[in-house]
Amino acid sequence: MDEQDINIREILSRRCDESVPFGFDEKIMRKIEQRRAIIESRHETFKNIFITLLLALLFSAALLIINHFYFRINLALDINISFSRLAETLEKLSGILKSEVSFTWVIIGVNIAILLGVERILSNRLKWRENNN
């Protein structure tokens, strides 16, 4: 081999070097772990939203059943709202919401919402402490 062939081989051998820079694999693994954590967090959030909506639907159904069978409150309203009957429909709705029984259910619902909010805040703080330790 002459000198020119040796130079060409050296240039090609430098270009075909498959080694990666120092710390490259650690950076990639850290990014993969961060992305996985974000995806898991999204899945957990969607699952929590679905469970919350399902429980709200079940709770509302239970309240309607209790109102119908126990308190004998008639919640049948004419939903066909026209502009001429809008005031009458709003008056019927406000009459139901002003009753003492519905006020009790509103207080129960507000207490449940506050308890769920406090539980969520506490669970987030516990997760945060666990992740920091």
N, C-alpha and C. Protein backbone atom coordinates (compact mmCIF):
# COMPACT_ATOMS: atom_id res chain seq x y z
N MET A 1 0.84 -1.18 0.00
CA MET A 1 0.00 0.00 0.00
C MET A 1 0.88 1.24 0.00
N ASP A 2 0.44 2.12 -0.77
CA ASP A 2 1.21 3.36 -0.79
C ASP A 2 0.65 4.32 0.25
N GLU A 3 1.27 5.45 0.33
CA GLU A 3 0.91 6.44 1.37
C GLU A 3 -0.50 6.98 1.18
N GLN A 4 -0.93 7.11 -0.03
CA GLN A 4 -2.27 7.62 -0.33
C GLN A 4 -3.34 6.64 0.15
N ASP A 5 -3.12 5.36 -0.04
CA ASP A 5 -4.07 4.34 0.44
C ASP A 5 -4.16 4.35 1.97
N ILE A 6 -3.04 4.53 2.60
CA ILE A 6 -3.03 4.57 4.08
C ILE A 6 -3.82 5.78 4.57
N ASN A 7 -3.65 6.91 3.94
CA ASN A 7 -4.39 8.12 4.33
C ASN A 7 -5.90 7.94 4.11
N ILE A 8 -6.26 7.34 3.01
CA ILE A 8 -7.69 7.09 2.72
C ILE A 8 -8.27 6.13 3.76
N ARG A 9 -7.54 5.09 4.08
CA ARG A 9 -8.02 4.14 5.08
C ARG A 9 -8.19 4.81 6.45
N GLU A 10 -7.28 5.66 6.83
CA GLU A 10 -7.39 6.37 8.11
C GLU A 10 -8.61 7.29 8.13
N ILE A 11 -8.84 8.00 7.03
CA ILE A 11 -10.00 8.90 6.95
C ILE A 11 -11.29 8.10 7.05
N LEU A 12 -11.35 6.98 6.32
CA LEU A 12 -12.56 6.16 6.36
C LEU A 12 -12.76 5.50 7.73
N SER A 13 -11.68 5.10 8.36
CA SER A 13 -11.82 4.46 9.66
C SER A 13 -12.29 5.47 10.71
N ARG A 14 -11.92 6.72 10.60
CA ARG A 14 -12.40 7.75 11.52
C ARG A 14 -13.88 8.03 11.28
N ARG A 15 -14.33 7.99 10.05
CA ARG A 15 -15.72 8.27 9.70
C ARG A 15 -16.65 7.13 10.13
N CYS A 16 -16.17 5.93 10.16
CA CYS A 16 -17.00 4.78 10.48
C CYS A 16 -16.98 4.45 11.97
N ASP A 17 -16.45 5.33 12.75
CA ASP A 17 -16.40 5.09 14.19
C ASP A 17 -17.82 5.10 14.75
N GLU A 18 -18.23 3.98 15.35
CA GLU A 18 -19.60 3.84 15.84
C GLU A 18 -19.73 4.14 17.32
N SER A 19 -18.69 4.58 17.93
CA SER A 19 -18.77 4.88 19.36
C SER A 19 -19.57 6.17 19.56
N VAL A 20 -20.20 6.29 20.72
CA VAL A 20 -21.03 7.46 21.03
C VAL A 20 -20.30 8.32 22.03
N PRO A 21 -20.66 9.59 22.10
CA PRO A 21 -20.00 10.47 23.08
C PRO A 21 -20.26 10.00 24.51
N PHE A 22 -19.39 10.42 25.39
CA PHE A 22 -19.49 10.02 26.79
C PHE A 22 -20.80 10.54 27.39
N GLY A 23 -21.55 9.67 28.05
CA GLY A 23 -22.79 10.05 28.72
C GLY A 23 -24.00 10.09 27.81
N PHE A 24 -23.82 9.74 26.55
CA PHE A 24 -24.94 9.79 25.60
C PHE A 24 -26.04 8.82 26.00
N ASP A 25 -25.67 7.61 26.34
CA ASP A 25 -26.68 6.61 26.70
C ASP A 25 -27.43 7.00 27.98
N GLU A 26 -26.75 7.62 28.93
CA GLU A 26 -27.41 8.06 30.16
C GLU A 26 -28.43 9.16 29.87
N LYS A 27 -28.06 10.08 28.99
CA LYS A 27 -28.99 11.16 28.63
C LYS A 27 -30.22 10.60 27.92
N ILE A 28 -30.02 9.67 27.02
CA ILE A 28 -31.15 9.07 26.29
C ILE A 28 -32.04 8.30 27.26
N MET A 29 -31.45 7.52 28.15
CA MET A 29 -32.25 6.76 29.11
C MET A 29 -33.03 7.69 30.03
N ARG A 30 -32.44 8.80 30.45
CA ARG A 30 -33.13 9.77 31.29
C ARG A 30 -34.33 10.36 30.54
N LYS A 31 -34.13 10.69 29.27
CA LYS A 31 -35.24 11.23 28.47
C LYS A 31 -36.34 10.20 28.28
N ILE A 32 -35.97 8.95 28.08
CA ILE A 32 -36.97 7.88 27.93
C ILE A 32 -37.76 7.72 29.22
N GLU A 33 -37.07 7.75 30.35
CA GLU A 33 -37.75 7.63 31.64
C GLU A 33 -38.68 8.81 31.89
N GLN A 34 -38.25 10.02 31.53
CA GLN A 34 -39.11 11.19 31.71
C GLN A 34 -40.35 11.08 30.83
N ARG A 35 -40.18 10.65 29.62
CA ARG A 35 -41.32 10.49 28.71
C ARG A 35 -42.28 9.42 29.22
N ARG A 36 -41.73 8.32 29.74
CA ARG A 36 -42.56 7.26 30.29
C ARG A 36 -43.35 7.76 31.49
N ALA A 37 -42.70 8.57 32.34
CA ALA A 37 -43.39 9.12 33.50
C ALA A 37 -44.53 10.06 33.08
N ILE A 38 -44.30 10.85 32.03
CA ILE A 38 -45.33 11.75 31.54
C ILE A 38 -46.51 10.96 30.99
N ILE A 39 -46.23 9.92 30.23
CA ILE A 39 -47.31 9.09 29.66
C ILE A 39 -48.08 8.39 30.77
N GLU A 40 -47.38 7.86 31.78
CA GLU A 40 -48.07 7.21 32.90
C GLU A 40 -48.93 8.21 33.66
N SER A 41 -48.43 9.42 33.81
CA SER A 41 -49.20 10.47 34.50
C SER A 41 -50.47 10.81 33.72
N ARG A 42 -50.36 10.89 32.39
CA ARG A 42 -51.54 11.16 31.57
C ARG A 42 -52.56 10.04 31.67
N HIS A 43 -52.07 8.80 31.63
CA HIS A 43 -52.99 7.66 31.74
C HIS A 43 -53.70 7.68 33.10
N GLU A 44 -52.96 7.99 34.14
CA GLU A 44 -53.56 8.06 35.47
C GLU A 44 -54.59 9.19 35.55
N THR A 45 -54.27 10.33 34.94
CA THR A 45 -55.21 11.45 34.93
C THR A 45 -56.49 11.10 34.19
N PHE A 46 -56.35 10.47 33.01
CA PHE A 46 -57.54 10.08 32.26
C PHE A 46 -58.36 9.05 33.02
N LYS A 47 -57.67 8.13 33.68
CA LYS A 47 -58.38 7.12 34.47
C LYS A 47 -59.12 7.77 35.63
N ASN A 48 -58.48 8.73 36.30
CA ASN A 48 -59.13 9.43 37.40
C ASN A 48 -60.33 10.23 36.93
N ILE A 49 -60.22 10.88 35.77
CA ILE A 49 -61.34 11.64 35.23
C ILE A 49 -62.50 10.70 34.90
N PHE A 50 -62.20 9.57 34.30
CA PHE A 50 -63.25 8.60 33.96
C PHE A 50 -63.93 8.08 35.21
N ILE A 51 -63.16 7.73 36.22
CA ILE A 51 -63.73 7.23 37.47
C ILE A 51 -64.57 8.31 38.14
N THR A 52 -64.09 9.55 38.12
CA THR A 52 -64.85 10.66 38.72
C THR A 52 -66.17 10.86 38.01
N LEU A 53 -66.15 10.84 36.68
CA LEU A 53 -67.40 11.00 35.93
C LEU A 53 -68.36 9.84 36.19
N LEU A 54 -67.83 8.64 36.25
CA LEU A 54 -68.67 7.48 36.53
C LEU A 54 -69.29 7.57 37.92
N LEU A 55 -68.48 7.95 38.91
CA LEU A 55 -69.00 8.09 40.26
C LEU A 55 -70.01 9.23 40.37
N ALA A 56 -69.76 10.33 39.65
CA ALA A 56 -70.72 11.44 39.65
C ALA A 56 -72.04 11.00 39.05
N LEU A 57 -71.98 10.22 37.98
CA LEU A 57 -73.20 9.72 37.36
C LEU A 57 -73.95 8.78 38.30
N LEU A 58 -73.22 7.86 38.94
CA LEU A 58 -73.85 6.95 39.89
C LEU A 58 -74.42 7.69 41.10
N PHE A 59 -73.69 8.68 41.59
CA PHE A 59 -74.16 9.46 42.73
C PHE A 59 -75.41 10.25 42.36
N SER A 60 -75.42 10.85 41.17
CA SER A 60 -76.60 11.59 40.71
C SER A 60 -77.80 10.66 40.57
N ALA A 61 -77.57 9.48 40.02
CA ALA A 61 -78.66 8.52 39.88
C ALA A 61 -79.18 8.11 41.25
N ALA A 62 -78.29 7.89 42.19
CA ALA A 62 -78.72 7.53 43.55
C ALA A 62 -79.53 8.65 44.19
N LEU A 63 -79.09 9.89 43.99
CA LEU A 63 -79.84 11.02 44.54
C LEU A 63 -81.22 11.12 43.91
N LEU A 64 -81.31 10.91 42.61
CA LEU A 64 -82.61 10.97 41.96
C LEU A 64 -83.52 9.86 42.46
N ILE A 65 -82.98 8.68 42.65
CA ILE A 65 -83.79 7.57 43.16
C ILE A 65 -84.25 7.84 44.58
N ILE A 66 -83.34 8.35 45.42
CA ILE A 66 -83.72 8.68 46.80
C ILE A 66 -84.78 9.78 46.81
N ASN A 67 -84.59 10.81 45.97
CA ASN A 67 -85.57 11.89 45.90
C ASN A 67 -86.93 11.37 45.46
N HIS A 68 -86.95 10.47 44.53
CA HIS A 68 -88.22 9.97 44.02
C HIS A 68 -88.92 9.04 45.00
N PHE A 69 -88.20 8.10 45.58
CA PHE A 69 -88.85 7.09 46.43
C PHE A 69 -88.95 7.50 47.90
N TYR A 70 -87.99 8.27 48.41
CA TYR A 70 -88.00 8.59 49.83
C TYR A 70 -88.67 9.94 50.10
N PHE A 71 -88.22 10.98 49.39
CA PHE A 71 -88.76 12.32 49.63
C PHE A 71 -89.99 12.63 48.79
N ARG A 72 -90.27 11.79 47.80
CA ARG A 72 -91.43 11.97 46.91
C ARG A 72 -91.42 13.35 46.23
N ILE A 73 -90.25 13.75 45.78
CA ILE A 73 -90.11 15.01 45.05
C ILE A 73 -90.27 14.72 43.57
N ASN A 74 -91.14 15.47 42.93
CA ASN A 74 -91.37 15.28 41.50
C ASN A 74 -90.40 16.19 40.73
N LEU A 75 -89.49 15.59 40.04
CA LEU A 75 -88.50 16.36 39.27
C LEU A 75 -88.84 16.41 37.79
N ALA A 76 -90.05 16.07 37.44
CA ALA A 76 -90.44 16.08 36.03
C ALA A 76 -90.64 17.53 35.59
N LEU A 77 -89.77 17.98 34.73
CA LEU A 77 -89.86 19.33 34.18
C LEU A 77 -90.01 19.24 32.68
N ASP A 78 -90.67 20.21 32.12
CA ASP A 78 -90.78 20.27 30.67
C ASP A 78 -89.49 20.87 30.14
N ILE A 79 -88.69 20.07 29.47
CA ILE A 79 -87.38 20.50 28.99
C ILE A 79 -87.49 21.31 27.70
N ASN A 80 -88.58 21.22 27.00
CA ASN A 80 -88.75 21.99 25.76
C ASN A 80 -88.86 23.47 26.11
N ILE A 81 -87.73 24.15 26.04
CA ILE A 81 -87.66 25.55 26.45
C ILE A 81 -87.83 26.43 25.22
N SER A 82 -88.82 27.25 25.28
CA SER A 82 -88.98 28.27 24.24
C SER A 82 -88.77 29.62 24.92
N PHE A 83 -88.53 30.63 24.15
CA PHE A 83 -88.24 31.94 24.73
C PHE A 83 -89.43 32.50 25.49
N SER A 84 -90.63 32.16 25.06
CA SER A 84 -91.80 32.66 25.77
C SER A 84 -91.99 31.96 27.11
N ARG A 85 -91.54 30.69 27.22
CA ARG A 85 -91.72 29.94 28.46
C ARG A 85 -90.44 29.85 29.28
N LEU A 86 -89.42 30.61 28.90
CA LEU A 86 -88.14 30.55 29.59
C LEU A 86 -88.27 31.01 31.05
N ALA A 87 -88.99 32.08 31.28
CA ALA A 87 -89.15 32.58 32.65
C ALA A 87 -89.88 31.56 33.51
N GLU A 88 -90.91 30.93 32.96
CA GLU A 88 -91.67 29.92 33.71
C GLU A 88 -90.79 28.72 34.05
N THR A 89 -89.98 28.27 33.11
CA THR A 89 -89.10 27.12 33.34
C THR A 89 -88.04 27.46 34.39
N LEU A 90 -87.45 28.65 34.31
CA LEU A 90 -86.47 29.07 35.30
C LEU A 90 -87.10 29.20 36.68
N GLU A 91 -88.34 29.62 36.74
CA GLU A 91 -89.04 29.72 38.01
C GLU A 91 -89.25 28.33 38.62
N LYS A 92 -89.60 27.34 37.79
CA LYS A 92 -89.75 25.97 38.28
C LYS A 92 -88.42 25.43 38.81
N LEU A 93 -87.35 25.66 38.06
CA LEU A 93 -86.03 25.18 38.49
C LEU A 93 -85.60 25.85 39.79
N SER A 94 -85.79 27.14 39.91
CA SER A 94 -85.40 27.83 41.13
C SER A 94 -86.26 27.39 42.31
N GLY A 95 -87.51 27.06 42.06
CA GLY A 95 -88.37 26.54 43.13
C GLY A 95 -87.85 25.23 43.67
N ILE A 96 -87.39 24.36 42.79
CA ILE A 96 -86.83 23.08 43.24
C ILE A 96 -85.54 23.32 44.01
N LEU A 97 -84.69 24.23 43.52
CA LEU A 97 -83.41 24.47 44.19
C LEU A 97 -83.57 25.22 45.51
N LYS A 98 -84.69 25.94 45.70
CA LYS A 98 -84.91 26.69 46.94
C LYS A 98 -85.51 25.83 48.04
N SER A 99 -85.95 24.64 47.71
CA SER A 99 -86.57 23.82 48.74
C SER A 99 -85.52 23.37 49.76
N GLU A 100 -85.98 23.07 50.97
CA GLU A 100 -85.08 22.69 52.06
C GLU A 100 -84.37 21.37 51.78
N VAL A 101 -85.06 20.46 51.13
CA VAL A 101 -84.47 19.15 50.83
C VAL A 101 -83.33 19.29 49.83
N SER A 102 -83.54 20.08 48.79
CA SER A 102 -82.47 20.23 47.80
C SER A 102 -81.28 20.97 48.40
N PHE A 103 -81.55 21.90 49.34
CA PHE A 103 -80.45 22.58 50.01
C PHE A 103 -79.61 21.58 50.80
N THR A 104 -80.26 20.61 51.42
CA THR A 104 -79.53 19.56 52.14
C THR A 104 -78.65 18.77 51.18
N TRP A 105 -79.17 18.42 50.02
CA TRP A 105 -78.38 17.66 49.05
C TRP A 105 -77.24 18.49 48.49
N VAL A 106 -77.45 19.79 48.35
CA VAL A 106 -76.36 20.66 47.88
C VAL A 106 -75.25 20.69 48.91
N ILE A 107 -75.61 20.79 50.19
CA ILE A 107 -74.60 20.79 51.25
C ILE A 107 -73.83 19.47 51.26
N ILE A 108 -74.54 18.35 51.10
CA ILE A 108 -73.88 17.04 51.05
C ILE A 108 -72.92 16.99 49.85
N GLY A 109 -73.37 17.47 48.69
CA GLY A 109 -72.51 17.47 47.50
C GLY A 109 -71.28 18.35 47.67
N VAL A 110 -71.45 19.51 48.29
CA VAL A 110 -70.30 20.41 48.52
C VAL A 110 -69.31 19.75 49.48
N ASN A 111 -69.82 19.10 50.53
CA ASN A 111 -68.92 18.41 51.47
C ASN A 111 -68.15 17.29 50.78
N ILE A 112 -68.81 16.54 49.93
CA ILE A 112 -68.12 15.47 49.20
C ILE A 112 -67.05 16.05 48.27
N ALA A 113 -67.38 17.15 47.59
CA ALA A 113 -66.41 17.78 46.69
C ALA A 113 -65.20 18.29 47.46
N ILE A 114 -65.43 18.87 48.63
CA ILE A 114 -64.31 19.35 49.45
C ILE A 114 -63.45 18.18 49.92
N LEU A 115 -64.09 17.10 50.36
CA LEU A 115 -63.32 15.93 50.80
C LEU A 115 -62.50 15.33 49.67
N LEU A 116 -63.08 15.25 48.47
CA LEU A 116 -62.33 14.72 47.33
C LEU A 116 -61.16 15.62 46.98
N GLY A 117 -61.35 16.93 47.05
CA GLY A 117 -60.25 17.86 46.78
C GLY A 117 -59.13 17.72 47.79
N VAL A 118 -59.47 17.63 49.07
CA VAL A 118 -58.46 17.46 50.12
C VAL A 118 -57.71 16.14 49.94
N GLU A 119 -58.46 15.08 49.61
CA GLU A 119 -57.81 13.78 49.38
C GLU A 119 -56.83 13.85 48.23
N ARG A 120 -57.19 14.54 47.16
CA ARG A 120 -56.31 14.65 46.00
C ARG A 120 -55.04 15.44 46.34
N ILE A 121 -55.21 16.52 47.09
CA ILE A 121 -54.06 17.33 47.49
C ILE A 121 -53.12 16.51 48.37
N LEU A 122 -53.68 15.80 49.34
CA LEU A 122 -52.84 14.98 50.23
C LEU A 122 -52.13 13.87 49.47
N SER A 123 -52.82 13.23 48.54
CA SER A 123 -52.15 12.15 47.79
C SER A 123 -51.04 12.71 46.91
N ASN A 124 -51.24 13.89 46.34
CA ASN A 124 -50.16 14.51 45.54
C ASN A 124 -48.96 14.85 46.42
N ARG A 125 -49.20 15.36 47.63
CA ARG A 125 -48.09 15.68 48.53
C ARG A 125 -47.34 14.42 48.95
N LEU A 126 -48.08 13.34 49.23
CA LEU A 126 -47.41 12.10 49.60
C LEU A 126 -46.58 11.56 48.45
N LYS A 127 -47.10 11.62 47.22
CA LYS A 127 -46.31 11.19 46.06
C LYS A 127 -45.06 12.04 45.91
N TRP A 128 -45.21 13.34 46.11
CA TRP A 128 -44.08 14.25 45.96
C TRP A 128 -43.01 13.93 46.99
N ARG A 129 -43.42 13.69 48.24
CA ARG A 129 -42.44 13.32 49.28
C ARG A 129 -41.78 11.99 48.96
N GLU A 130 -42.55 11.04 48.48
CA GLU A 130 -41.99 9.73 48.13
C GLU A 130 -40.97 9.84 47.00
N ASN A 131 -41.27 10.67 46.01
CA ASN A 131 -40.35 10.84 44.88
C ASN A 131 -39.08 11.57 45.29
N ASN A 132 -39.19 12.49 46.25
CA ASN A 132 -38.00 13.24 46.70
C ASN A 132 -37.11 12.39 47.59
N ASN A 133 -37.65 11.40 48.25
CA ASN A 133 -36.84 10.54 49.12
C ASN A 133 -36.24 9.47 48.33
